[in-house]
């Protein structure tokens, strides 16, 4: 092996070590997977995932939820929202509300969906306690500050691909 190849290999090795040890995206994904699993495990007996519960909660708060609103609030792609809403509708927890613009397809929580949320509260509270214990007060505080900062200047879903940021 030539000297030049060794230098490149050493430099690449250092870069690999740096990425492996410091990549923010990898660490965030790890935290996300672990915390999501806590909530999903708690909600599983109800046939629900935390991502679906979030949609139900946003819908309950909005009353009549337009897909674009929900996507904006939860920072979801339209296809992700659609994929998550289908089982919620199939289970009778959400219903589509007829609208003049068929593309809008607003939806609302059904009485059955409201009862599901009521049943989900104790499971959510248990998961919340478990996640809080795992992350600690300091971790929760940092998470809160980061979320606030991101809400103030976040791009809309897909904006990075479109080359435009959403105005707040």
N, C-alpha and C. Protein backbone atom coordinates (compact mmCIF):
# COMPACT_ATOMS: atom_id res chain seq x y z
N UNK A 1 0.84 -1.17 0.00
CA UNK A 1 0.00 0.00 0.00
C UNK A 1 0.89 1.24 0.00
N UNK A 2 0.54 2.23 -0.83
CA UNK A 2 1.35 3.44 -0.91
C UNK A 2 1.07 4.35 0.27
N UNK A 3 1.97 5.30 0.47
CA UNK A 3 1.82 6.25 1.58
C UNK A 3 0.54 7.06 1.42
N UNK A 4 0.21 7.46 0.19
CA UNK A 4 -0.99 8.27 -0.06
C UNK A 4 -2.25 7.49 0.35
N UNK A 5 -2.33 6.21 0.04
CA UNK A 5 -3.49 5.39 0.40
C UNK A 5 -3.62 5.28 1.92
N UNK A 6 -2.50 5.19 2.62
CA UNK A 6 -2.52 5.10 4.08
C UNK A 6 -3.06 6.39 4.69
N UNK A 7 -2.65 7.55 4.17
CA UNK A 7 -3.13 8.83 4.67
C UNK A 7 -4.63 8.96 4.43
N UNK A 8 -5.09 8.58 3.23
CA UNK A 8 -6.51 8.64 2.93
C UNK A 8 -7.27 7.68 3.85
N UNK A 9 -6.74 6.49 4.03
CA UNK A 9 -7.38 5.53 4.90
C UNK A 9 -7.45 6.04 6.34
N UNK A 10 -6.37 6.65 6.83
CA UNK A 10 -6.37 7.21 8.18
C UNK A 10 -7.37 8.35 8.30
N UNK A 11 -7.41 9.22 7.30
CA UNK A 11 -8.34 10.35 7.32
C UNK A 11 -9.78 9.83 7.26
N UNK A 12 -10.01 8.86 6.40
CA UNK A 12 -11.35 8.29 6.31
C UNK A 12 -11.72 7.61 7.62
N UNK A 13 -10.78 6.91 8.20
CA UNK A 13 -11.03 6.23 9.47
C UNK A 13 -11.41 7.23 10.55
N UNK A 14 -10.72 8.38 10.60
CA UNK A 14 -11.05 9.41 11.58
C UNK A 14 -12.45 9.98 11.32
N UNK A 15 -12.78 10.18 10.05
CA UNK A 15 -14.11 10.69 9.69
C UNK A 15 -15.19 9.70 10.10
N UNK A 16 -14.94 8.43 9.84
CA UNK A 16 -15.89 7.39 10.22
C UNK A 16 -16.08 7.39 11.73
N UNK A 17 -15.00 7.48 12.47
CA UNK A 17 -15.09 7.52 13.93
C UNK A 17 -15.88 8.74 14.40
N UNK A 18 -15.62 9.90 13.79
CA UNK A 18 -16.32 11.13 14.17
C UNK A 18 -17.82 11.00 13.92
N UNK A 19 -18.17 10.51 12.73
CA UNK A 19 -19.60 10.35 12.40
C UNK A 19 -20.25 9.35 13.35
N UNK A 20 -19.59 8.22 13.57
CA UNK A 20 -20.16 7.18 14.43
C UNK A 20 -20.37 7.68 15.86
N UNK A 21 -19.50 8.55 16.33
CA UNK A 21 -19.57 9.00 17.72
C UNK A 21 -20.39 10.27 17.93
N UNK A 22 -20.58 11.08 16.88
CA UNK A 22 -21.18 12.40 17.10
C UNK A 22 -22.40 12.73 16.25
N UNK A 23 -22.83 11.87 15.36
CA UNK A 23 -23.92 12.19 14.46
C UNK A 23 -25.22 12.46 15.22
N UNK A 24 -25.72 13.67 15.10
CA UNK A 24 -26.95 14.07 15.79
C UNK A 24 -28.13 13.25 15.29
N UNK A 25 -28.22 13.04 13.99
CA UNK A 25 -29.35 12.30 13.41
C UNK A 25 -29.43 10.88 13.97
N UNK A 26 -28.29 10.22 14.10
CA UNK A 26 -28.28 8.85 14.63
C UNK A 26 -28.75 8.84 16.08
N UNK A 27 -28.29 9.78 16.86
CA UNK A 27 -28.69 9.83 18.26
C UNK A 27 -30.17 10.17 18.41
N UNK A 28 -30.66 11.09 17.60
CA UNK A 28 -32.08 11.43 17.65
C UNK A 28 -32.94 10.24 17.24
N UNK A 29 -32.53 9.52 16.20
CA UNK A 29 -33.29 8.34 15.77
C UNK A 29 -33.31 7.27 16.86
N UNK A 30 -32.20 7.11 17.56
CA UNK A 30 -32.14 6.14 18.65
C UNK A 30 -33.14 6.52 19.75
N UNK A 31 -33.10 7.78 20.18
CA UNK A 31 -34.02 8.24 21.21
C UNK A 31 -35.45 8.08 20.72
N UNK A 32 -35.72 8.46 19.47
CA UNK A 32 -37.06 8.34 18.92
C UNK A 32 -37.55 6.89 18.92
N UNK A 33 -36.71 5.96 18.47
CA UNK A 33 -37.12 4.56 18.43
C UNK A 33 -37.40 4.01 19.82
N UNK A 34 -36.53 4.32 20.76
CA UNK A 34 -36.70 3.80 22.12
C UNK A 34 -37.96 4.39 22.77
N UNK A 35 -38.14 5.70 22.67
CA UNK A 35 -39.30 6.34 23.30
C UNK A 35 -40.59 5.92 22.59
N UNK A 36 -40.58 5.87 21.28
CA UNK A 36 -41.77 5.42 20.54
C UNK A 36 -42.16 4.01 20.94
N UNK A 37 -41.19 3.15 21.13
CA UNK A 37 -41.47 1.77 21.54
C UNK A 37 -42.16 1.74 22.91
N UNK A 38 -41.74 2.61 23.82
CA UNK A 38 -42.37 2.67 25.14
C UNK A 38 -43.86 2.98 24.98
N UNK A 39 -44.18 4.00 24.21
CA UNK A 39 -45.59 4.39 24.02
C UNK A 39 -46.36 3.33 23.23
N UNK A 40 -45.75 2.82 22.16
CA UNK A 40 -46.44 1.80 21.35
C UNK A 40 -46.74 0.55 22.17
N UNK A 41 -45.80 0.14 23.01
CA UNK A 41 -46.03 -1.03 23.87
C UNK A 41 -47.20 -0.78 24.83
N UNK A 42 -47.27 0.42 25.38
CA UNK A 42 -48.35 0.74 26.33
C UNK A 42 -49.71 0.80 25.63
N UNK A 43 -49.73 1.27 24.39
CA UNK A 43 -50.99 1.45 23.67
C UNK A 43 -51.42 0.22 22.87
N UNK A 44 -50.52 -0.73 22.69
CA UNK A 44 -50.80 -1.92 21.88
C UNK A 44 -52.08 -2.65 22.29
N UNK A 45 -52.36 -2.84 23.59
CA UNK A 45 -53.60 -3.54 23.97
C UNK A 45 -54.87 -2.87 23.44
N UNK A 46 -54.76 -1.58 23.10
CA UNK A 46 -55.91 -0.86 22.56
C UNK A 46 -55.94 -0.88 21.03
N UNK A 47 -54.95 -1.54 20.42
CA UNK A 47 -54.87 -1.58 18.96
C UNK A 47 -54.42 -0.26 18.37
N UNK A 48 -53.59 0.46 19.10
CA UNK A 48 -53.22 1.82 18.76
C UNK A 48 -51.71 2.02 18.85
N UNK A 49 -51.19 2.88 18.00
CA UNK A 49 -49.79 3.31 18.07
C UNK A 49 -49.77 4.76 18.50
N UNK A 50 -48.65 5.22 19.04
CA UNK A 50 -48.57 6.61 19.50
C UNK A 50 -48.74 7.57 18.33
N UNK A 51 -48.27 7.22 17.16
CA UNK A 51 -48.44 8.10 16.00
C UNK A 51 -49.93 8.27 15.68
N UNK A 52 -50.70 7.22 15.85
CA UNK A 52 -52.15 7.29 15.61
C UNK A 52 -52.84 8.07 16.73
N UNK A 53 -52.41 7.86 17.97
CA UNK A 53 -52.97 8.62 19.08
C UNK A 53 -52.76 10.11 18.86
N UNK A 54 -51.59 10.49 18.38
CA UNK A 54 -51.31 11.91 18.12
C UNK A 54 -52.29 12.48 17.10
N UNK A 55 -52.62 11.71 16.08
CA UNK A 55 -53.59 12.16 15.07
C UNK A 55 -54.96 12.31 15.71
N UNK A 56 -55.36 11.35 16.54
CA UNK A 56 -56.64 11.44 17.23
C UNK A 56 -56.69 12.67 18.14
N UNK A 57 -55.62 12.94 18.84
CA UNK A 57 -55.57 14.08 19.76
C UNK A 57 -55.66 15.40 19.00
N UNK A 58 -54.90 15.52 17.92
CA UNK A 58 -54.95 16.75 17.11
C UNK A 58 -56.35 16.92 16.53
N UNK A 59 -56.93 15.83 16.06
CA UNK A 59 -58.29 15.89 15.51
C UNK A 59 -59.28 16.33 16.57
N UNK A 60 -59.16 15.78 17.78
CA UNK A 60 -60.05 16.16 18.87
C UNK A 60 -59.92 17.65 19.19
N UNK A 61 -58.71 18.15 19.17
CA UNK A 61 -58.49 19.57 19.46
C UNK A 61 -59.05 20.47 18.37
N UNK A 62 -58.93 20.03 17.11
CA UNK A 62 -59.39 20.85 15.98
C UNK A 62 -60.91 20.77 15.79
N UNK A 63 -61.51 19.66 16.18
CA UNK A 63 -62.93 19.46 15.93
C UNK A 63 -63.14 18.92 14.53
N UNK A 64 -62.93 19.75 13.54
CA UNK A 64 -62.95 19.33 12.14
C UNK A 64 -61.53 19.49 11.63
N UNK A 65 -60.89 18.39 11.33
CA UNK A 65 -59.47 18.41 10.95
C UNK A 65 -59.32 18.31 9.44
N UNK A 66 -58.64 19.28 8.88
CA UNK A 66 -58.29 19.20 7.47
C UNK A 66 -56.91 18.56 7.38
N UNK A 67 -56.71 17.66 6.43
CA UNK A 67 -55.42 16.97 6.34
C UNK A 67 -54.22 17.92 6.33
N UNK A 68 -54.32 19.02 5.62
CA UNK A 68 -53.18 19.96 5.56
C UNK A 68 -52.86 20.53 6.94
N UNK A 69 -53.90 20.79 7.73
CA UNK A 69 -53.69 21.30 9.10
C UNK A 69 -52.95 20.27 9.94
N UNK A 70 -53.43 19.04 9.89
CA UNK A 70 -52.83 17.97 10.70
C UNK A 70 -51.38 17.75 10.27
N UNK A 71 -51.14 17.74 8.97
CA UNK A 71 -49.76 17.59 8.47
C UNK A 71 -48.88 18.71 8.99
N UNK A 72 -49.40 19.93 9.00
CA UNK A 72 -48.64 21.08 9.48
C UNK A 72 -48.34 20.95 10.97
N UNK A 73 -49.34 20.62 11.75
CA UNK A 73 -49.17 20.53 13.20
C UNK A 73 -48.21 19.41 13.59
N UNK A 74 -48.36 18.24 12.95
CA UNK A 74 -47.53 17.08 13.31
C UNK A 74 -46.30 16.92 12.43
N UNK A 75 -46.12 17.84 11.47
CA UNK A 75 -44.98 17.78 10.56
C UNK A 75 -44.93 16.43 9.84
N UNK A 76 -46.03 16.07 9.20
CA UNK A 76 -46.15 14.81 8.47
C UNK A 76 -46.29 15.07 6.99
N UNK A 77 -45.81 14.15 6.20
CA UNK A 77 -46.09 14.14 4.77
C UNK A 77 -47.54 13.71 4.61
N UNK A 78 -48.21 14.17 3.56
CA UNK A 78 -49.61 13.82 3.31
C UNK A 78 -49.78 12.30 3.20
N UNK A 79 -48.84 11.62 2.55
CA UNK A 79 -48.96 10.17 2.39
C UNK A 79 -48.85 9.45 3.73
N UNK A 80 -48.04 9.96 4.64
CA UNK A 80 -47.91 9.38 5.98
C UNK A 80 -49.21 9.56 6.76
N UNK A 81 -49.78 10.76 6.66
CA UNK A 81 -51.05 11.00 7.34
C UNK A 81 -52.12 10.06 6.78
N UNK A 82 -52.21 9.98 5.49
CA UNK A 82 -53.22 9.13 4.84
C UNK A 82 -53.08 7.67 5.29
N UNK A 83 -51.85 7.19 5.32
CA UNK A 83 -51.58 5.81 5.73
C UNK A 83 -52.01 5.57 7.18
N UNK A 84 -51.85 6.57 8.03
CA UNK A 84 -52.22 6.43 9.45
C UNK A 84 -53.71 6.65 9.69
N UNK A 85 -54.35 7.46 8.89
CA UNK A 85 -55.77 7.75 9.06
C UNK A 85 -56.63 6.57 8.63
N UNK A 86 -56.21 5.84 7.60
CA UNK A 86 -57.03 4.72 7.10
C UNK A 86 -57.43 3.72 8.18
N UNK A 87 -56.50 3.20 8.99
CA UNK A 87 -56.94 2.26 10.04
C UNK A 87 -57.79 2.94 11.11
N UNK A 88 -57.59 4.22 11.34
CA UNK A 88 -58.41 4.94 12.32
C UNK A 88 -59.85 5.05 11.83
N UNK A 89 -60.00 5.25 10.54
CA UNK A 89 -61.34 5.27 9.94
C UNK A 89 -61.94 3.87 9.93
N UNK A 90 -61.13 2.88 9.56
CA UNK A 90 -61.61 1.50 9.48
C UNK A 90 -62.11 1.00 10.83
N UNK A 91 -61.49 1.48 11.91
CA UNK A 91 -61.90 1.08 13.26
C UNK A 91 -63.05 1.95 13.80
N UNK A 92 -63.48 2.92 13.01
CA UNK A 92 -64.59 3.77 13.43
C UNK A 92 -64.20 4.85 14.41
N UNK A 93 -62.92 5.18 14.50
CA UNK A 93 -62.46 6.20 15.44
C UNK A 93 -62.46 7.59 14.82
N UNK A 94 -62.34 7.65 13.49
CA UNK A 94 -62.42 8.91 12.75
C UNK A 94 -63.43 8.71 11.64
N UNK A 95 -64.05 9.82 11.23
CA UNK A 95 -64.95 9.75 10.08
C UNK A 95 -64.67 10.93 9.15
N UNK A 96 -64.76 10.66 7.86
CA UNK A 96 -64.60 11.71 6.85
C UNK A 96 -65.88 12.52 6.81
N UNK A 97 -65.74 13.82 6.71
CA UNK A 97 -66.88 14.72 6.64
C UNK A 97 -67.02 15.19 5.20
N UNK A 98 -68.19 15.01 4.60
CA UNK A 98 -68.36 15.46 3.21
C UNK A 98 -68.02 16.94 3.09
N UNK A 99 -67.34 17.26 2.00
CA UNK A 99 -66.87 18.63 1.78
C UNK A 99 -67.00 18.95 0.31
N UNK A 100 -67.26 20.20 0.00
CA UNK A 100 -67.42 20.62 -1.40
C UNK A 100 -66.17 20.28 -2.22
N UNK A 101 -65.01 20.46 -1.62
CA UNK A 101 -63.75 20.11 -2.29
C UNK A 101 -63.37 18.70 -1.86
N UNK A 102 -63.61 17.72 -2.71
CA UNK A 102 -63.37 16.31 -2.37
C UNK A 102 -61.91 16.05 -2.02
N UNK A 103 -61.01 16.89 -2.52
CA UNK A 103 -59.58 16.68 -2.23
C UNK A 103 -59.26 17.00 -0.78
N UNK A 104 -60.04 17.89 -0.16
CA UNK A 104 -59.75 18.31 1.21
C UNK A 104 -59.99 17.19 2.21
N UNK A 105 -61.05 16.39 2.03
CA UNK A 105 -61.37 15.25 2.88
C UNK A 105 -61.18 15.52 4.38
N UNK A 106 -61.86 16.54 4.93
CA UNK A 106 -61.72 16.77 6.37
C UNK A 106 -62.31 15.58 7.14
N UNK A 107 -61.83 15.41 8.35
CA UNK A 107 -62.32 14.31 9.19
C UNK A 107 -62.48 14.79 10.61
N UNK A 108 -63.22 14.01 11.38
CA UNK A 108 -63.46 14.35 12.78
C UNK A 108 -63.46 13.07 13.61
N UNK A 109 -63.31 13.28 14.90
CA UNK A 109 -63.34 12.19 15.87
C UNK A 109 -64.78 11.71 16.01
N UNK A 110 -64.96 10.42 16.09
CA UNK A 110 -66.29 9.85 16.33
C UNK A 110 -66.46 9.64 17.84
N UNK A 111 -67.68 9.38 18.28
CA UNK A 111 -67.87 9.04 19.70
C UNK A 111 -67.02 7.83 20.10
N UNK A 112 -66.90 6.88 19.20
CA UNK A 112 -66.07 5.71 19.47
C UNK A 112 -64.59 6.11 19.62
N UNK A 113 -64.15 7.07 18.81
CA UNK A 113 -62.79 7.59 18.92
C UNK A 113 -62.56 8.31 20.23
N UNK A 114 -63.57 9.04 20.68
CA UNK A 114 -63.47 9.73 21.97
C UNK A 114 -63.34 8.71 23.10
N UNK A 115 -64.13 7.65 23.04
CA UNK A 115 -64.03 6.60 24.07
C UNK A 115 -62.64 5.94 24.05
N UNK A 116 -62.07 5.77 22.84
CA UNK A 116 -60.73 5.20 22.73
C UNK A 116 -59.70 6.09 23.42
N UNK A 117 -59.81 7.39 23.20
CA UNK A 117 -58.89 8.31 23.85
C UNK A 117 -59.02 8.19 25.37
N UNK A 118 -60.25 8.12 25.86
CA UNK A 118 -60.47 7.96 27.31
C UNK A 118 -59.79 6.70 27.82
N UNK A 119 -59.90 5.60 27.07
CA UNK A 119 -59.25 4.35 27.47
C UNK A 119 -57.73 4.44 27.37
N UNK A 120 -57.25 5.26 26.42
CA UNK A 120 -55.81 5.37 26.17
C UNK A 120 -55.09 6.22 27.22
N UNK A 121 -55.81 7.09 27.89
CA UNK A 121 -55.17 8.02 28.84
C UNK A 121 -54.31 7.29 29.88
N UNK A 122 -54.80 6.27 30.58
CA UNK A 122 -53.95 5.61 31.58
C UNK A 122 -52.70 4.96 30.96
N UNK A 123 -52.84 4.37 29.79
CA UNK A 123 -51.68 3.76 29.12
C UNK A 123 -50.68 4.84 28.72
N UNK A 124 -51.20 5.96 28.20
CA UNK A 124 -50.32 7.06 27.82
C UNK A 124 -49.60 7.62 29.04
N UNK A 125 -50.34 7.77 30.15
CA UNK A 125 -49.72 8.29 31.37
C UNK A 125 -48.60 7.38 31.87
N UNK A 126 -48.82 6.07 31.79
CA UNK A 126 -47.78 5.12 32.21
C UNK A 126 -46.56 5.24 31.31
N UNK A 127 -46.78 5.35 30.01
CA UNK A 127 -45.68 5.50 29.06
C UNK A 127 -44.95 6.83 29.29
N UNK A 128 -45.71 7.86 29.56
CA UNK A 128 -45.13 9.18 29.82
C UNK A 128 -44.21 9.13 31.05
N UNK A 129 -44.66 8.44 32.09
CA UNK A 129 -43.82 8.29 33.30
C UNK A 129 -42.55 7.52 32.98
N UNK A 130 -42.69 6.45 32.20
CA UNK A 130 -41.53 5.62 31.85
C UNK A 130 -40.54 6.41 30.99
N UNK A 131 -41.04 7.15 30.01
CA UNK A 131 -40.16 7.96 29.15
C UNK A 131 -39.49 9.07 29.95
N UNK A 132 -40.23 9.67 30.87
CA UNK A 132 -39.67 10.73 31.72
C UNK A 132 -38.57 10.17 32.61
N UNK A 133 -38.79 9.00 33.17
CA UNK A 133 -37.76 8.38 34.01
C UNK A 133 -36.52 8.06 33.18
N UNK A 134 -36.71 7.61 31.97
CA UNK A 134 -35.59 7.26 31.10
C UNK A 134 -34.78 8.50 30.72
N UNK A 135 -35.46 9.58 30.35
CA UNK A 135 -34.77 10.78 29.88
C UNK A 135 -34.33 11.70 31.01
N UNK A 136 -35.01 11.63 32.14
CA UNK A 136 -34.67 12.48 33.28
C UNK A 136 -35.15 13.91 33.07
N UNK A 137 -35.19 14.65 34.16
CA UNK A 137 -35.66 16.04 34.10
C UNK A 137 -34.80 16.88 33.17
N UNK A 138 -33.50 16.65 33.21
CA UNK A 138 -32.58 17.42 32.37
C UNK A 138 -32.83 17.11 30.88
N UNK A 139 -33.01 15.85 30.57
CA UNK A 139 -33.28 15.46 29.19
C UNK A 139 -34.60 16.00 28.69
N UNK A 140 -35.64 15.96 29.54
CA UNK A 140 -36.95 16.49 29.17
C UNK A 140 -36.85 18.00 28.96
N UNK A 141 -36.12 18.69 29.82
CA UNK A 141 -35.93 20.14 29.67
C UNK A 141 -35.25 20.49 28.35
N UNK A 142 -34.21 19.74 28.02
CA UNK A 142 -33.51 19.98 26.75
C UNK A 142 -34.43 19.69 25.57
N UNK A 143 -35.22 18.63 25.67
CA UNK A 143 -36.16 18.28 24.62
C UNK A 143 -37.21 19.38 24.44
N UNK A 144 -37.73 19.89 25.54
CA UNK A 144 -38.71 20.99 25.48
C UNK A 144 -38.12 22.22 24.81
N UNK A 145 -36.91 22.59 25.19
CA UNK A 145 -36.28 23.78 24.59
C UNK A 145 -36.04 23.57 23.10
N UNK A 146 -35.58 22.40 22.72
CA UNK A 146 -35.32 22.11 21.30
C UNK A 146 -36.64 22.14 20.51
N UNK A 147 -37.70 21.56 21.06
CA UNK A 147 -39.00 21.54 20.37
C UNK A 147 -39.53 22.96 20.18
N UNK A 148 -39.41 23.78 21.21
CA UNK A 148 -39.87 25.18 21.10
C UNK A 148 -39.11 25.91 20.00
N UNK A 149 -37.81 25.71 19.98
CA UNK A 149 -36.97 26.37 18.97
C UNK A 149 -37.34 25.89 17.56
N UNK A 150 -37.57 24.61 17.42
CA UNK A 150 -37.92 24.06 16.11
C UNK A 150 -39.29 24.55 15.64
N UNK A 151 -40.24 24.65 16.56
CA UNK A 151 -41.58 25.13 16.19
C UNK A 151 -41.53 26.56 15.65
N UNK A 152 -40.59 27.34 16.14
CA UNK A 152 -40.49 28.74 15.72
C UNK A 152 -39.94 28.89 14.31
N UNK A 153 -39.17 27.92 13.86
CA UNK A 153 -38.51 28.10 12.56
C UNK A 153 -38.49 26.85 11.70
N UNK A 154 -39.46 25.97 11.88
CA UNK A 154 -39.45 24.71 11.16
C UNK A 154 -39.92 24.88 9.71
N UNK A 155 -39.31 24.14 8.81
CA UNK A 155 -39.83 24.10 7.44
C UNK A 155 -41.01 23.13 7.39
N UNK A 156 -41.87 23.31 6.45
CA UNK A 156 -43.00 22.39 6.27
C UNK A 156 -42.52 21.06 5.75
N UNK A 157 -43.35 20.01 5.85
CA UNK A 157 -42.97 18.70 5.33
C UNK A 157 -42.66 18.80 3.84
N UNK A 158 -41.54 18.24 3.44
CA UNK A 158 -41.17 18.21 2.03
C UNK A 158 -40.54 19.51 1.55
N UNK A 159 -40.45 20.55 2.38
CA UNK A 159 -39.93 21.84 1.94
C UNK A 159 -38.48 21.74 1.49
N UNK A 160 -37.72 20.84 2.13
CA UNK A 160 -36.32 20.69 1.74
C UNK A 160 -36.21 20.17 0.32
N UNK A 161 -37.18 19.40 -0.12
CA UNK A 161 -37.15 18.88 -1.49
C UNK A 161 -37.65 19.93 -2.47
N UNK A 162 -38.54 20.81 -1.99
CA UNK A 162 -39.13 21.81 -2.86
C UNK A 162 -38.28 23.08 -2.89
N UNK A 163 -37.32 23.18 -1.98
CA UNK A 163 -36.45 24.34 -1.94
C UNK A 163 -37.13 25.57 -1.34
N UNK A 164 -38.16 25.36 -0.54
CA UNK A 164 -38.84 26.49 0.08
C UNK A 164 -39.20 26.16 1.51
N UNK A 165 -39.13 27.15 2.34
CA UNK A 165 -39.52 26.97 3.74
C UNK A 165 -40.92 27.50 3.94
N UNK A 166 -41.61 26.93 4.89
CA UNK A 166 -42.95 27.37 5.21
C UNK A 166 -42.85 28.60 6.10
N UNK A 167 -43.70 29.55 5.86
CA UNK A 167 -43.71 30.71 6.75
C UNK A 167 -44.56 30.39 7.96
N UNK A 168 -44.18 30.93 9.10
CA UNK A 168 -44.91 30.65 10.35
C UNK A 168 -45.93 31.71 10.59
